[in-house]
Amino acid sequence: MNTDKPTLEKVSEAAMRFMRGKYVLDEVGDGKDGLEFRENGVRGPQGVGETFMSVRIREDRYDFHIDGECILVADLEAFEAVKRLALVKKEPNRKPFPKEQAIYGDCGHRCDLCIHYNGNTTYGEESREELKERVRRVYCPDSTKEEFEKGFFLCSGCANAWPDDPCAQKKCVAEKGIDKCVNCQQYPCDKATAGLQDGIQPRSILADDVTWAILPYVPEQYGN
């Protein structure tokens, strides 16, 4: 493989444009033989995320490593394969959570995936702070961490939540004379989408944020 330097420079420029904003660059060694990219400012609910992409710089090519796969790149056409693989790896995983110990609310959503639930959660109590940041980015992007914390609350489930000030879902089923949303002929409806009532402004949202902060509140996702 014999590739001229200007071509490799174009590959490098294309790679930096593709990764800019979404990922943070960590240099390896002196920065001349390898680079590593991590998701920008994000730690997953399961802990600190591993390097998303690493690049080894050879004399006549770049070796792109993504999640155990390696693509040899010597021109822009080959880099397109890297972009396709990167997009696939970052798509939100819509079925990542086991259902065996799922806990359901009256609205059909999984309490064990909800950031507000104070019982046994699927993601673990130690990861609640990391999940808070995901939820803030999705639903309250203009608020500071301190402002978000002021409005944060914990919920012990439908049987005990807000007895004096029930949620919109409980008010609705009471008006209809039924016991829970999932037993309503109109379910699922806009009122049942607990996490989406205030809407989400059109903008770029990280794939992992979709998985952890949006899909748990969408009817018929994750087994609900």
Foldseek 3Di string as FASTA:
>chain_A
DAADPVQVVVLVVVVCVLPPPQWDKDADDPNPFKIFIHGPPAQDLQGRDDTQWMWGDDPQWIWIAGPNDTFTGRGPVSVVVVVVVSVVVQAADQADFDDPPFDAALLGFTLLLDLQEPDNHRSDPVSSVNLLVLQCCWPPVPDDPVVSVVPHHHAHGDVDGPPPHDQPQCVVCVVVVHDGNVPDPPPPDQSSLVLAVVHTDDDDHGNHSCNRHHSSSDPPTNND
